[in-house]
Structures are given as C-alpha cells and as structure tokens.
Protein backbone atom coordinates (compact mmCIF):
# COMPACT_ATOMS: atom_id res chain seq x y z
CA MET A 1 70.18 195.98 220.56
CA MET A 2 71.53 195.31 224.06
CA ILE A 3 73.49 192.22 222.99
CA ASP A 4 74.67 191.44 219.48
CA LEU A 5 76.77 188.44 218.40
CA GLU A 6 78.09 188.26 214.85
CA ARG A 7 79.40 184.85 213.73
CA VAL A 8 81.05 184.15 217.08
CA THR A 9 83.28 181.10 217.46
CA VAL A 10 85.17 180.30 220.67
CA THR A 11 87.95 177.70 220.75
CA TYR A 12 89.89 176.82 223.90
CA ALA A 13 93.54 175.80 223.87
CA GLY A 14 93.95 172.08 223.28
CA ALA A 15 90.28 171.55 222.40
CA PHE A 16 89.52 169.32 219.42
CA ARG A 17 86.55 171.47 218.37
CA PRO A 18 85.13 174.93 219.15
CA ALA A 19 82.99 175.29 222.28
CA ILE A 20 80.54 177.42 220.28
CA ARG A 21 80.65 177.82 216.52
CA ASP A 22 79.42 180.54 214.14
CA VAL A 23 76.76 181.89 216.53
CA SER A 24 74.85 184.98 215.42
CA LEU A 25 72.01 186.45 217.47
CA THR A 26 70.58 189.70 218.78
CA ILE A 27 68.81 190.30 222.08
CA PRO A 28 66.80 193.53 222.41
CA GLU A 29 66.43 195.61 225.55
CA GLY A 30 63.92 194.36 228.09
CA GLU A 31 63.68 190.75 226.89
CA LEU A 32 64.18 187.47 228.69
CA CYS A 33 66.30 185.18 226.55
CA LEU A 34 66.55 181.53 227.59
CA VAL A 35 69.66 179.56 226.57
CA ALA A 36 69.25 175.79 226.43
CA GLY A 37 71.13 172.81 225.06
CA PRO A 38 72.68 169.47 225.98
CA THR A 39 75.18 169.22 228.82
CA GLY A 40 78.56 170.47 227.58
CA SER A 41 77.15 172.15 224.46
CA GLY A 42 78.70 175.54 225.26
CA LYS A 43 76.02 177.40 227.22
CA SER A 44 78.44 178.74 229.83
CA THR A 45 80.86 179.75 227.07
CA LEU A 46 78.11 181.66 225.25
CA LEU A 47 77.20 183.49 228.45
CA GLY A 48 80.87 184.17 229.13
CA ALA A 49 81.23 185.77 225.70
CA MET A 50 78.34 188.11 226.52
CA THR A 51 80.02 189.25 229.75
CA GLY A 52 83.56 189.61 228.39
CA LEU A 53 84.85 186.79 230.58
CA VAL A 54 85.47 184.86 227.35
CA PRO A 55 88.25 185.18 226.34
CA HIS A 56 89.65 187.85 228.73
CA PHE A 57 89.39 185.63 231.81
CA THR A 58 89.03 182.09 230.46
CA GLY A 59 91.59 182.26 227.66
CA GLY A 60 91.00 180.69 224.28
CA THR A 61 90.33 182.39 220.96
CA LEU A 62 87.19 184.35 220.09
CA ASP A 63 86.46 184.91 216.43
CA GLY A 64 83.63 187.19 215.37
CA ARG A 65 82.23 190.17 217.24
CA VAL A 66 80.32 190.59 220.52
CA THR A 67 78.73 193.94 221.32
CA VAL A 68 77.13 194.57 224.73
CA ALA A 69 75.25 197.85 225.31
CA GLY A 70 77.22 199.28 222.38
CA ARG A 71 80.62 198.17 223.72
CA ASP A 72 82.78 195.70 221.82
CA THR A 73 84.01 193.06 224.28
CA ARG A 74 87.34 192.86 222.43
CA ASP A 75 88.11 196.38 223.61
CA HIS A 76 86.23 196.28 226.90
CA PRO A 77 87.29 193.64 229.46
CA PRO A 78 84.83 192.60 232.19
CA ARG A 79 85.81 195.44 234.55
CA GLN A 80 84.74 197.95 231.87
CA LEU A 81 81.38 196.20 231.48
CA ALA A 82 80.61 195.85 235.20
CA ASP A 83 78.36 198.90 235.28
CA VAL A 84 76.01 197.43 232.64
CA VAL A 85 76.34 193.63 232.96
CA GLY A 86 75.78 191.51 236.03
CA TYR A 87 76.81 187.84 235.93
CA VAL A 88 76.01 184.91 238.23
CA ALA A 89 78.02 181.74 237.55
CA GLN A 90 77.02 178.11 238.11
CA ASP A 91 78.99 177.82 241.36
CA PRO A 92 78.00 180.80 243.52
CA LEU A 93 80.38 180.00 246.38
CA ALA A 94 83.37 180.34 244.05
CA GLY A 95 82.35 183.92 243.26
CA PHE A 96 81.90 185.25 246.79
CA VAL A 97 84.50 187.73 248.02
CA THR A 98 83.19 188.70 251.48
CA ASP A 99 82.09 186.82 254.61
CA THR A 100 78.39 187.58 255.16
CA VAL A 101 75.27 187.99 253.03
CA GLU A 102 74.87 191.72 253.66
CA GLU A 103 78.55 192.43 252.95
CA GLU A 104 78.33 190.50 249.68
CA LEU A 105 75.37 192.59 248.51
CA ALA A 106 77.24 195.81 249.29
CA TYR A 107 80.57 194.80 247.72
CA ALA A 108 79.75 195.33 244.04
CA MET A 109 78.18 198.71 244.77
CA GLU A 110 81.28 199.77 246.68
CA GLN A 111 83.40 198.96 243.62
CA LEU A 112 81.06 201.08 241.47
CA ALA A 113 81.24 204.00 243.95
CA VAL A 114 77.52 203.96 244.75
CA SER A 115 76.69 206.44 247.52
CA PRO A 116 76.10 204.97 251.01
CA SER A 117 72.46 206.10 251.17
CA VAL A 118 71.60 204.52 247.81
CA MET A 119 73.61 201.43 248.73
CA ARG A 120 71.64 200.90 251.94
CA THR A 121 68.30 201.24 250.15
CA ARG A 122 69.29 198.80 247.42
CA VAL A 123 70.53 196.24 249.93
CA GLU A 124 67.20 196.30 251.79
CA GLU A 125 65.14 196.14 248.59
CA THR A 126 67.18 193.27 247.19
CA LEU A 127 67.10 191.27 250.42
CA ASP A 128 63.31 191.49 250.33
CA LEU A 129 63.09 190.80 246.59
CA LEU A 130 64.99 187.50 246.92
CA GLY A 131 63.44 186.55 250.27
CA ILE A 132 66.73 186.42 252.20
CA ALA A 133 66.33 189.26 254.71
CA ASP A 134 66.59 186.75 257.56
CA LEU A 135 70.01 185.66 256.27
CA ARG A 136 71.63 189.11 256.23
CA SER A 137 74.13 188.38 259.02
CA ARG A 138 74.77 184.73 258.16
CA ALA A 139 78.21 183.56 257.05
CA LEU A 140 78.16 182.69 253.35
CA ARG A 141 79.87 179.34 253.86
CA ASP A 142 77.25 178.27 256.40
CA LEU A 143 74.36 178.71 253.97
CA SER A 144 72.72 175.88 252.09
CA GLY A 145 73.42 175.60 248.37
CA GLY A 146 70.08 177.21 247.52
CA GLN A 147 70.61 180.05 249.97
CA GLN A 148 74.04 180.69 248.46
CA GLN A 149 72.52 180.81 244.99
CA ARG A 150 69.88 183.35 245.99
CA THR A 151 72.57 185.44 247.69
CA ALA A 152 74.72 185.40 244.55
CA ILE A 153 71.77 186.59 242.44
CA ALA A 154 70.97 189.28 245.00
CA SER A 155 74.55 190.56 245.06
CA VAL A 156 74.42 191.11 241.30
CA LEU A 157 70.93 192.64 241.30
CA ALA A 158 71.88 195.14 244.01
CA ALA A 159 74.36 196.81 241.64
CA GLY A 160 71.50 197.72 239.29
CA PRO A 161 72.80 196.30 235.96
CA ARG A 162 70.98 196.92 232.67
CA ILE A 163 71.83 193.37 231.56
CA LEU A 164 71.64 190.32 233.81
CA VAL A 165 73.37 187.08 232.74
CA LEU A 166 72.51 184.01 234.82
CA ASP A 167 74.01 180.52 234.48
CA GLU A 168 71.66 177.88 235.95
CA PRO A 169 70.17 180.31 238.51
CA THR A 170 67.59 177.87 239.90
CA SER A 171 69.63 174.66 239.90
CA ALA A 172 70.07 174.60 243.69
CA LEU A 173 66.64 176.04 244.53
CA ASP A 174 63.55 174.23 245.71
CA PRO A 175 60.50 174.71 243.43
CA THR A 176 58.96 177.47 245.54
CA ALA A 177 62.22 179.40 245.85
CA ALA A 178 62.83 178.97 242.10
CA GLU A 179 59.41 180.46 241.34
CA GLU A 180 60.16 183.39 243.66
CA VAL A 181 63.50 184.05 241.95
CA LEU A 182 61.99 183.80 238.47
CA ALA A 183 59.15 186.10 239.52
CA ALA A 184 61.71 188.65 240.74
CA ILE A 185 63.59 188.36 237.44
CA LEU A 186 60.36 188.85 235.49
CA ARG A 187 59.60 192.01 237.46
CA LEU A 188 63.02 193.36 236.46
CA VAL A 189 62.29 192.56 232.80
CA HIS A 190 58.71 193.81 232.65
CA ASP A 191 58.83 196.77 235.04
CA LEU A 192 62.40 198.05 234.73
CA GLY A 193 63.35 196.97 231.19
CA VAL A 194 66.34 194.89 232.33
CA THR A 195 67.61 192.48 229.66
CA VAL A 196 68.03 188.97 231.07
CA VAL A 197 69.95 186.07 229.53
CA LEU A 198 69.35 182.86 231.44
CA ALA A 199 70.89 179.43 230.81
CA GLU A 200 68.82 176.64 232.31
CA HIS A 201 68.58 172.86 232.09
CA ARG A 202 65.25 172.65 233.93
CA LEU A 203 63.21 174.10 231.11
CA GLU A 204 59.95 173.20 232.85
CA ARG A 205 60.70 176.05 235.26
CA ALA A 206 61.57 178.83 232.84
CA ILE A 207 60.50 178.28 229.26
CA GLN A 208 57.01 179.74 229.62
CA TYR A 209 58.55 183.08 230.64
CA ALA A 210 61.02 183.36 227.75
CA ASP A 211 60.61 185.91 224.97
CA ARG A 212 63.14 184.06 222.84
CA LEU A 213 65.07 180.81 222.99
CA VAL A 214 68.67 180.13 222.00
CA LEU A 215 69.01 176.39 221.43
CA LEU A 216 72.58 175.10 221.27
CA ALA A 217 73.43 171.85 219.49
CA PRO A 218 76.15 169.39 220.62
CA ASP A 219 78.48 170.78 217.94
CA GLY A 220 78.24 174.32 219.36
CA THR A 221 75.99 175.78 216.67
CA ALA A 222 72.83 177.60 217.70
CA ARG A 223 69.28 178.30 216.61
CA CYS A 224 67.47 181.37 217.93
CA GLY A 225 63.77 182.09 217.77
CA ASP A 226 60.31 181.66 219.25
CA PRO A 227 60.38 179.14 222.14
CA ALA A 228 57.24 177.20 221.09
CA THR A 229 58.46 176.91 217.49
CA LEU A 230 61.92 175.64 218.47
CA MET A 231 60.52 173.25 221.08
CA ALA A 232 58.34 171.50 218.48
CA ASP A 233 61.29 169.39 217.28
CA ALA A 234 64.02 170.01 219.88
CA ASP A 235 66.05 167.02 221.11
CA ILE A 236 65.80 168.32 224.67
CA ALA A 237 62.33 169.14 225.92
CA PRO A 238 60.54 169.49 229.29
CA PRO A 239 57.76 167.04 230.23
CA ILE A 240 55.04 169.45 229.11
CA VAL A 241 56.44 169.41 225.57
CA GLU A 242 56.89 165.62 225.58
CA LEU A 243 53.26 165.30 226.70
CA GLY A 244 52.17 167.75 224.02
CA ARG A 245 53.92 165.74 221.34
CA LEU A 246 52.30 162.56 222.63
CA ALA A 247 48.84 164.16 222.61
CA GLY A 248 49.39 165.94 219.27
CA TRP A 249 48.78 169.44 220.64
CA GLN A 250 49.32 172.28 218.18
CA PRO A 251 50.58 174.90 218.78
CA MET A 252 52.77 173.53 221.52
CA PRO A 253 51.79 174.77 225.02
CA LEU A 254 54.65 175.85 227.25
CA SER A 255 52.76 176.58 230.48
CA VAL A 256 50.76 174.22 232.68
CA ARG A 257 47.77 176.53 232.42
CA ASP A 258 47.70 176.35 228.60
CA ALA A 259 48.22 172.58 228.66
CA ARG A 260 45.39 172.02 231.13
CA ARG A 261 43.03 173.85 228.79
CA ARG A 262 43.78 171.28 226.08
CA ALA A 263 44.02 168.19 228.26
CA ALA A 264 40.34 167.24 228.58
CA PRO A 265 40.38 164.75 225.63
CA LEU A 266 43.59 163.18 226.97
CA ARG A 267 42.08 162.86 230.45
CA ARG A 268 39.08 161.05 228.96
CA ARG A 269 41.39 158.60 227.16
CA LEU A 270 43.15 157.92 230.45
CA ALA A 271 40.02 157.82 232.62
CA ASN A 272 39.92 154.04 233.11
CA ALA A 273 43.64 153.37 232.73
CA PRO A 274 45.81 152.54 235.76
CA GLY A 275 48.12 155.30 236.93
CA MET A 276 51.58 154.75 238.31
CA ALA A 277 52.52 151.08 238.46
CA MET A 278 54.43 150.32 241.65
CA GLU A 279 57.43 148.02 241.39
CA PRO A 280 57.86 145.04 243.75
CA GLY A 281 58.70 146.11 247.27
CA PRO A 282 62.30 146.47 248.44
CA HIS A 283 64.20 144.06 250.65
CA VAL A 284 62.75 143.94 254.15
CA THR A 285 66.02 144.01 256.11
CA PRO A 286 67.22 147.59 256.71
CA ALA A 287 70.60 148.32 255.16
CA LEU A 288 70.97 151.46 257.25
CA GLU A 289 69.26 152.58 260.44
CA ALA A 290 69.58 156.05 261.91
CA ARG A 291 68.41 156.67 265.46
CA GLY A 292 68.03 160.10 267.03
CA VAL A 293 70.41 161.81 264.57
CA THR A 294 70.94 165.45 265.49
CA VAL A 295 73.26 167.90 263.72
CA ARG A 296 74.26 171.37 264.92
CA LEU A 297 76.02 173.86 262.64
CA GLY A 298 77.07 176.65 264.94
CA ALA A 299 73.90 178.06 266.47
CA VAL A 300 71.70 176.36 263.86
CA LEU A 301 70.01 173.05 264.68
CA ALA A 302 70.16 171.59 261.16
CA VAL A 303 68.83 168.07 261.90
CA ARG A 304 66.51 167.31 264.84
CA ASP A 305 66.36 163.82 266.34
CA VAL A 306 65.77 161.95 263.05
CA ASP A 307 64.97 158.23 262.96
CA LEU A 308 65.25 156.60 259.55
CA ALA A 309 65.51 153.09 258.11
CA LEU A 310 66.72 152.51 254.54
CA ARG A 311 66.08 149.17 252.89
CA GLY A 312 68.08 147.46 250.18
CA GLY A 313 66.46 147.70 246.75
CA GLU A 314 64.77 150.99 247.60
CA VAL A 315 65.23 154.46 246.11
CA ALA A 316 64.21 157.05 248.70
CA VAL A 317 63.96 160.62 247.44
CA LEU A 318 64.47 163.36 250.02
CA ILE A 319 62.74 166.66 249.26
CA GLY A 320 62.13 169.91 251.12
CA ARG A 321 62.77 173.62 250.93
CA ASN A 322 66.26 175.14 250.91
CA GLY A 323 67.82 174.98 254.36
CA ALA A 324 65.55 172.16 255.56
CA GLY A 325 68.58 170.06 256.56
CA LYS A 326 68.77 167.57 253.66
CA SER A 327 72.52 167.89 253.03
CA SER A 328 73.33 167.85 256.74
CA LEU A 329 71.32 164.64 257.14
CA LEU A 330 73.13 162.95 254.25
CA TRP A 331 76.55 163.84 255.66
CA ALA A 332 75.49 162.55 259.08
CA LEU A 333 74.22 159.29 257.57
CA HIS A 334 77.51 158.89 255.71
CA GLY A 335 79.49 159.38 258.89
CA ALA A 336 81.84 162.07 257.60
CA GLY A 337 79.60 164.90 258.76
CA PRO A 338 79.15 166.15 262.33
CA ARG A 339 76.56 164.58 264.65
CA ALA A 340 75.67 166.16 267.96
CA ALA A 341 73.68 163.08 268.93
CA GLY A 342 72.36 159.81 267.57
CA SER A 343 73.83 156.83 265.78
CA VAL A 344 73.89 155.32 262.29
CA HIS A 345 74.09 151.54 261.92
CA ILE A 346 74.88 149.68 258.69
CA ASP A 347 73.53 146.15 258.25
CA GLY A 348 72.74 146.13 261.96
CA HIS A 349 76.40 146.24 262.99
CA GLY A 350 78.00 149.22 264.72
CA ASP A 351 78.12 152.87 263.83
CA ALA A 352 79.01 154.15 260.35
CA THR A 353 82.78 154.12 259.70
CA PRO A 354 83.37 155.66 256.24
CA ASN A 355 87.14 155.94 256.76
CA ALA A 356 87.62 152.18 256.90
CA ALA A 357 89.44 150.50 254.03
CA SER A 358 86.17 149.09 252.76
CA GLY A 359 84.37 152.44 253.15
CA ARG A 360 83.78 153.11 249.44
CA ARG A 361 82.20 149.69 249.03
CA THR A 362 79.96 150.21 252.04
CA ILE A 363 78.59 153.74 251.71
CA GLY A 364 79.18 156.37 249.05
CA LEU A 365 78.26 160.06 249.06
CA VAL A 366 78.16 162.52 246.17
CA PRO A 367 77.95 166.02 247.75
CA GLN A 368 76.36 169.17 246.38
CA THR A 369 79.82 170.45 245.43
CA PRO A 370 81.29 167.44 243.58
CA SER A 371 84.52 169.24 242.73
CA ASP A 372 85.51 168.76 246.39
CA LEU A 373 86.16 165.09 245.54
CA LEU A 374 88.36 165.72 242.48
CA PHE A 375 92.12 165.93 242.96
CA SER A 376 93.85 164.75 239.76
CA GLU A 377 95.03 166.76 236.76
CA THR A 378 92.97 164.97 234.12
CA VAL A 379 89.71 163.07 233.72
CA ALA A 380 91.68 159.94 232.81
CA ALA A 381 93.78 160.21 235.98
CA GLU A 382 90.64 160.54 238.12
CA CYS A 383 89.16 157.43 236.50
CA ASP A 384 92.39 155.45 236.87
CA ALA A 385 92.74 156.45 240.53
CA SER A 386 89.15 155.39 241.17
CA ASP A 387 89.77 151.96 239.63
CA ALA A 388 92.99 151.50 241.62
CA ASP A 389 91.52 152.64 244.95
CA ALA A 390 88.61 150.20 244.70
CA ALA A 391 90.68 147.38 243.10
CA LEU A 392 88.53 147.48 239.98
CA ARG A 393 89.28 146.30 236.47
CA PRO A 394 90.95 149.19 234.55
CA GLY A 395 88.37 151.14 232.58
CA THR A 396 85.45 150.44 234.96
CA THR A 397 85.00 154.04 236.09
CA ARG A 398 85.46 155.35 232.56
CA SER A 399 82.75 153.00 231.29
CA ILE A 400 80.28 154.27 233.90
CA LEU A 401 81.16 157.87 233.01
CA ASP A 402 80.51 157.20 229.32
CA ASP A 403 77.16 155.61 230.18
CA LEU A 404 76.19 158.73 232.08
CA LEU A 405 77.63 161.37 229.77
CA ALA A 406 79.64 160.37 226.72
CA GLY A 407 82.22 162.55 224.99
CA ILE A 408 84.24 163.90 227.95
CA GLY A 409 87.88 163.93 226.87
CA ASP A 410 90.51 162.04 228.85
CA GLU A 411 93.01 164.90 229.00
CA ILE A 412 90.62 167.63 230.18
CA HIS A 413 91.33 169.05 233.64
CA PRO A 414 88.30 168.33 235.89
CA ARG A 415 88.10 172.00 236.86
CA ASP A 416 87.60 172.88 233.18
CA LEU A 417 84.50 170.68 232.87
CA SER A 418 81.00 172.09 232.97
CA GLU A 419 79.03 171.64 236.19
CA GLY A 420 77.12 168.70 234.72
CA GLN A 421 80.27 167.03 233.41
CA ARG A 422 82.03 167.35 236.79
CA LEU A 423 79.02 165.87 238.50
CA ALA A 424 78.94 162.95 236.06
CA LEU A 425 82.63 162.26 236.78
CA VAL A 426 82.12 162.21 240.55
CA LEU A 427 79.03 160.03 240.18
CA ALA A 428 81.04 157.57 238.12
CA ILE A 429 83.83 157.51 240.74
CA GLN A 430 81.43 156.87 243.60
CA LEU A 431 79.27 154.33 241.77
CA ALA A 432 82.23 152.37 240.40
CA ALA A 433 83.03 150.95 243.83
CA GLY A 434 79.50 149.54 244.05
CA PRO A 435 78.63 150.78 247.56
CA ARG A 436 75.72 149.01 249.24
CA ILE A 437 74.36 152.38 250.36
CA VAL A 438 74.41 155.34 247.97
CA LEU A 439 73.73 158.92 249.14
CA LEU A 440 73.34 161.53 246.40
CA ASP A 441 72.91 165.26 247.04
CA GLU A 442 71.40 167.10 244.03
CA PRO A 443 72.96 164.54 241.67
CA THR A 444 71.53 165.91 238.42
CA ARG A 445 72.46 169.61 238.63
CA GLY A 446 73.68 170.57 235.17
CA PHE A 447 72.22 167.45 233.51
CA ASP A 448 70.07 167.74 230.41
CA TYR A 449 66.94 165.58 230.03
CA PRO A 450 68.63 162.65 228.21
CA ALA A 451 71.40 162.56 230.84
CA LYS A 452 68.78 162.50 233.62
CA ARG A 453 67.02 159.58 231.92
CA ARG A 454 70.32 157.67 231.75
CA PHE A 455 70.99 158.50 235.39
CA THR A 456 67.53 157.25 236.37
CA ARG A 457 68.06 153.95 234.56
CA MET A 458 71.43 153.51 236.26
CA ILE A 459 70.01 154.17 239.73
CA ARG A 460 67.08 151.82 239.10
CA ASP A 461 69.55 149.11 238.07
CA LEU A 462 71.53 149.65 241.28
CA ALA A 463 68.34 149.37 243.32
CA ARG A 464 67.37 146.16 241.58
CA GLY A 465 70.78 144.85 242.63
CA GLY A 466 69.86 145.40 246.27
CA ARG A 467 71.45 148.79 246.94
CA ALA A 468 69.80 151.27 249.31
CA ILE A 469 69.76 154.69 247.68
CA VAL A 470 68.86 158.15 248.96
CA VAL A 471 68.61 161.05 246.51
CA ALA A 472 68.19 164.57 247.90
CA THR A 473 66.81 166.80 245.16
CA HIS A 474 64.81 169.90 244.35
CA ASP A 475 63.95 168.47 240.93
CA ALA A 476 60.28 167.48 241.04
CA GLU A 477 60.48 165.69 237.68
CA LEU A 478 63.44 163.58 238.84
CA ALA A 479 61.61 162.68 242.05
CA ALA A 480 58.53 161.62 240.07
CA SER A 481 60.48 159.32 237.77
CA LEU A 482 62.90 157.85 240.31
CA ALA A 483 61.32 157.43 243.75
CA ASP A 484 59.99 154.29 245.41
CA ARG A 485 59.53 156.33 248.55
CA VAL A 486 59.46 160.09 249.22
CA LEU A 487 60.69 161.72 252.42
CA VAL A 488 59.75 165.34 253.09
CA MET A 489 62.07 167.32 255.34
CA ALA A 490 61.32 170.64 257.08
CA GLU A 491 63.10 172.48 259.88
CA GLY A 492 65.50 169.57 260.33
CA GLU A 493 62.77 166.94 260.72
CA ILE A 494 61.23 164.34 258.43
CA VAL A 495 57.61 165.45 258.36
CA ALA A 496 56.25 162.99 255.78
CA ASP A 497 57.25 159.56 254.48
CA GLY A 498 55.18 157.85 251.79
CA SER A 499 54.73 156.73 248.20
CA PRO A 500 55.39 159.06 245.24
CA ILE A 501 51.69 159.14 244.30
CA GLU A 502 50.68 159.94 247.87
CA ILE A 503 53.15 162.79 248.36
CA LEU A 504 54.07 164.17 244.93
CA SER A 505 50.83 164.16 242.95
CA GLY A 506 49.04 166.36 245.45
CA SER A 507 51.96 168.61 246.38
CA ALA A 508 51.60 172.32 245.69
CA ALA A 509 55.37 172.68 245.32
CA PHE A 510 56.70 169.29 244.16
CA ALA A 511 53.95 168.00 241.85
CA SER A 512 55.31 167.08 238.42
CA GLN A 513 54.07 168.83 235.30
CA VAL A 514 52.10 165.73 234.29
CA ALA A 515 50.38 165.62 237.68
CA ARG A 516 49.45 169.29 237.38
CA ILE A 517 48.05 168.82 233.88
CA ILE A 518 46.26 165.46 234.09
CA GLY A 519 45.61 165.09 237.80
CA ARG A 520 46.27 162.70 240.67
CA GLY A 521 47.52 159.25 239.85
CA TRP A 522 49.84 160.38 237.04
CA LEU A 523 53.40 161.58 237.50
CA THR A 524 55.41 161.10 234.28
CA VAL A 525 55.04 161.14 230.51
CA GLU A 526 56.31 157.55 230.44
CA GLN A 527 53.32 156.42 232.52
CA VAL A 528 50.92 158.19 230.17
CA ARG A 529 52.60 156.72 227.10
CA ALA A 530 52.49 153.20 228.57
CA ALA A 531 48.79 153.56 229.44
CA LEU A 532 47.88 154.81 225.97
CA THR A 533 49.89 152.01 224.38
CA ALA A 534 48.17 149.39 226.54
CA ARG A 535 44.76 150.83 225.74
CA ALA A 536 45.49 150.86 222.01
CA THR A 537 46.82 147.29 222.17
CA ASN A 538 43.71 146.10 224.01
CA ALA A 539 41.57 147.80 221.37
CA GLY A 540 43.58 146.21 218.57
CA ALA A 541 44.95 149.53 217.37
CA VAL A 542 48.33 151.20 217.17
CA PRO A 543 48.61 154.35 219.33
CA GLY A 544 49.30 157.59 217.54
C-alpha cells in the first residue's frame, strides 16, 4: 500500500478534543482517494499526517502509525518524504518561495537535484498540462487566486512525485479550469499510476472520479469505502445526490451522465410544474453606481471601462473565468483598490470613501484572502474588536459567527483556523456592521454544504433588508441558489447581465447539476422539491 494509517489520532496543544480520532485506512498505488467532511472536521490534519507535516511542522501529538511508500512518518520528516510525496495546501500563495511562475516550477526540482535537461522538459510539460504556459514569466503575487492555485499544483507535479496530496485544489478555480485540473490529475492516476489524495468541499466536481471516499465526521472519526455507498446516507452531499435521494434512485448516481439516464420519469413529473420562482424585484433606486471604471495592474488591463448599477435588495452574482477581473472590480467598487479611471458613487452622492469613520456601515468587502483582515491573537478578540469598532452590542459578531459556523473556540488563534473557519470569522466581522453595500469575493471557499445553505439564508435576509450585495464566485451551485441577477465577466468587461435562469441554466460552464440533469428552467434541488410537493398537494397526496 502507498499510504497506510493505523489507528491515528492527532491532538493539538490546548485543543479540547482530537482533530482526527482513531483513523485507520489504506490507499493502494494508483488510486484517487477523495477526503470529505464538514468544515473543521480535520481534513487538512489528515492530509498533513500523510505528508509528515503533522506533527513535525504543525506540532501536536500523533498517536498510531502512518506509513507512506514504506516510510514511517515518525522517523521520516517531510524533507525525507519530498521525493515521493507532493503537497499543495489550501493557501497556495503562502507556499510560494520564488518570484515567477517558471521559477516556482523549477524550485522543487532544484532541491531534488534533477538534471537541467530533465528539469526544462518537465517545466514545459507541466505548464502545458495545467494550461498556464502564458503565465510563465508572470509574478506570482500578480496572479489571480485561481492562477496561483494552478501554479501551486504545477510546481508540485513538476517534481514527479509518486503520491500527490491536494487540499481543496479547485476551490479558487472556475468550473472549466477545475475540470482541466481534475482531468490532468486523472491522467496522472490512470496513465502513470500516481496515487492522489484530494480533500474537497465541492463534491459535485470530484466525487465521480474517486476510487474511494474517506468521510470524516465532526468528531474526527472516519469512514472509508465506496463513494456511492457512503453517499447514500452522508450528512454532506452534492446536489446530484440530494436529487437522487428525492427521486429514489438506486444505486446512487454520482455523475451527471448517469443521473440523466435515470431522470426521464422525474422530468415527466415536472413537465407542467413551474420552474424557478422569481422573488419580488429589488428596490429601484441604485445604491451604488460605477461609471467607466478601469483598473490597471502593471501592464495588465484588469478592468475595462465598466458601468454598473447595484440596487438595494438585490443579490448580484459575478461569474467568469480565472483572471477575468472579478476581484479587481470588487476592490475598485469598494474604493480601496486602484482605479486608473472612472468613478463609484454611493446613494448618488460623491465617490466611494471607505476610509471614512462610517465606512464599515456603508460598504464592506470580504477579499479572497480573508486572513488579511485578521489582526488579533484570538477569535474572541477579533469578535470583540469588531463590536467595538462598529459600536455594536457586545456579542453581536460572535452571534453571527455561530449562525454561520458554530463550534469555533474563543481562544483559538485565527491563523490556526481552517480556511472555511477563517472565512466565516471575516464574514461575521464584515456583516456585523450592517453595511448597505456588501461585496464578497469567493465567500464560501472551505464551506461544506450545510454552511453554504446557512450563508445563503443570511445573504437573502440581508437583501430583504434592502442591502445591495455582490458575490463573486466560481461555485455554480452557490450562484444558482443565491442570485437575483447574474453578471458574466470576461477580459475585464461585463459581457452579460441577466436572470439566473437566462444565464445559468444554459451555460456550458456554470450550469448547476440540476440544470444539467433535468433541463432549462430548473437550477436547484429545492426548486424540484417544492414543485413535487405542490403537485402532490394539488393531487391530494403526500410526496415521497
């Protein structure tokens, strides 16, 4: 076996319970193993144990035994596993050690004393494999989040590991780029026999490719087995599984293709039912108007002469491929980011001034890297500072955090939180002040499905209260469940602006799983469930 865990328990200093507990599993050579579980359930810790980072780098106590390619991680720290294990963490920027894309790909091979001729060949092959050849000379810090993530994966692949361990490798990628990365990973598994362990919250992207599934519970225990079998009763499940449960499909399909083959009876039941019900329109008066906004980042024209009006009570979802300019536009709308030209007006009065004393109550931004907004030593201190800064009743920020993601301890350092937990904390801080305009950049990275549903309810409540909200995301399922309006961005321009049904249901890249399975007019499992319930009620029956 390439990876073998025997009754592994990991406990960090000061923790009230183990991060993972009594985990035993084996992963053979040439398999793709998917690791899933609720936010904060220990996925990153499990992956760290497989790479030797836990406990050699992270600290804490590891009980049990971890063997990787025949080497016991107790006796072999990460540097002695580097020739067989490649690891990509959740935050790729934190792991970069050079300045440009090409240098980053070469670095690991230099440390492993790979010959220059082999190194050059591997760099070219890997650039092509991940679709980033055009980025070779770009500075790493100037890349979009998705481009950074693909570069991080490429830098690990270039070293030629026998085992590849990836923590949320598609979280910052648009759907097309995610498919390209997963296709590249599959080629490594199927053609070269590389063993891949992949932790992922967006199961709709990866579960159909998995040979086995490791499903972590909130208490850190794990079940390991066939993906379809474990998904039948799992607490976290992608839309395709939720739809399969609703329709009573057995065995459970995990790919859109398999689900479509079984969906004909469900389509007939839905044939005369209404599709997506649109909510009442938003407030007419624009809360924010952008005119001719242009952003330059060095030689790159990131945003090109964008005009945009955001209305109170409206949730606008901004989608587009990596590098389309979504983050740059949000920063420009906020006022803290650079603008080469154009203006942003709030409530029809003057240009955006986020540094004013009332800034947090006017416009709030959660960036792609939420840790940039965290400065205190504990979660409790961050929450207290948020309440004090916005003159809120003590406990307000903490209450919002618990609504989003319960169970985060007061005394934990924010840097020790998982990606999803850090994001929830920053969301709570920004939302606590009740800004009239809310700008969110990939706000559900690291969130499990229940956390995303809670987030959606919270954002819908804010919109009903008259807030204008923009959510930039690569998550097609989030867009389908959240949007009143969808904006498509490409090459720095907004190229489409319309309803979710109009833009998402027919999109080759951003269509939801339900839209792909059932067809136009349907975007979410909740819509299907509501339609079946209404039909059963009208027929005097109880839906199954």
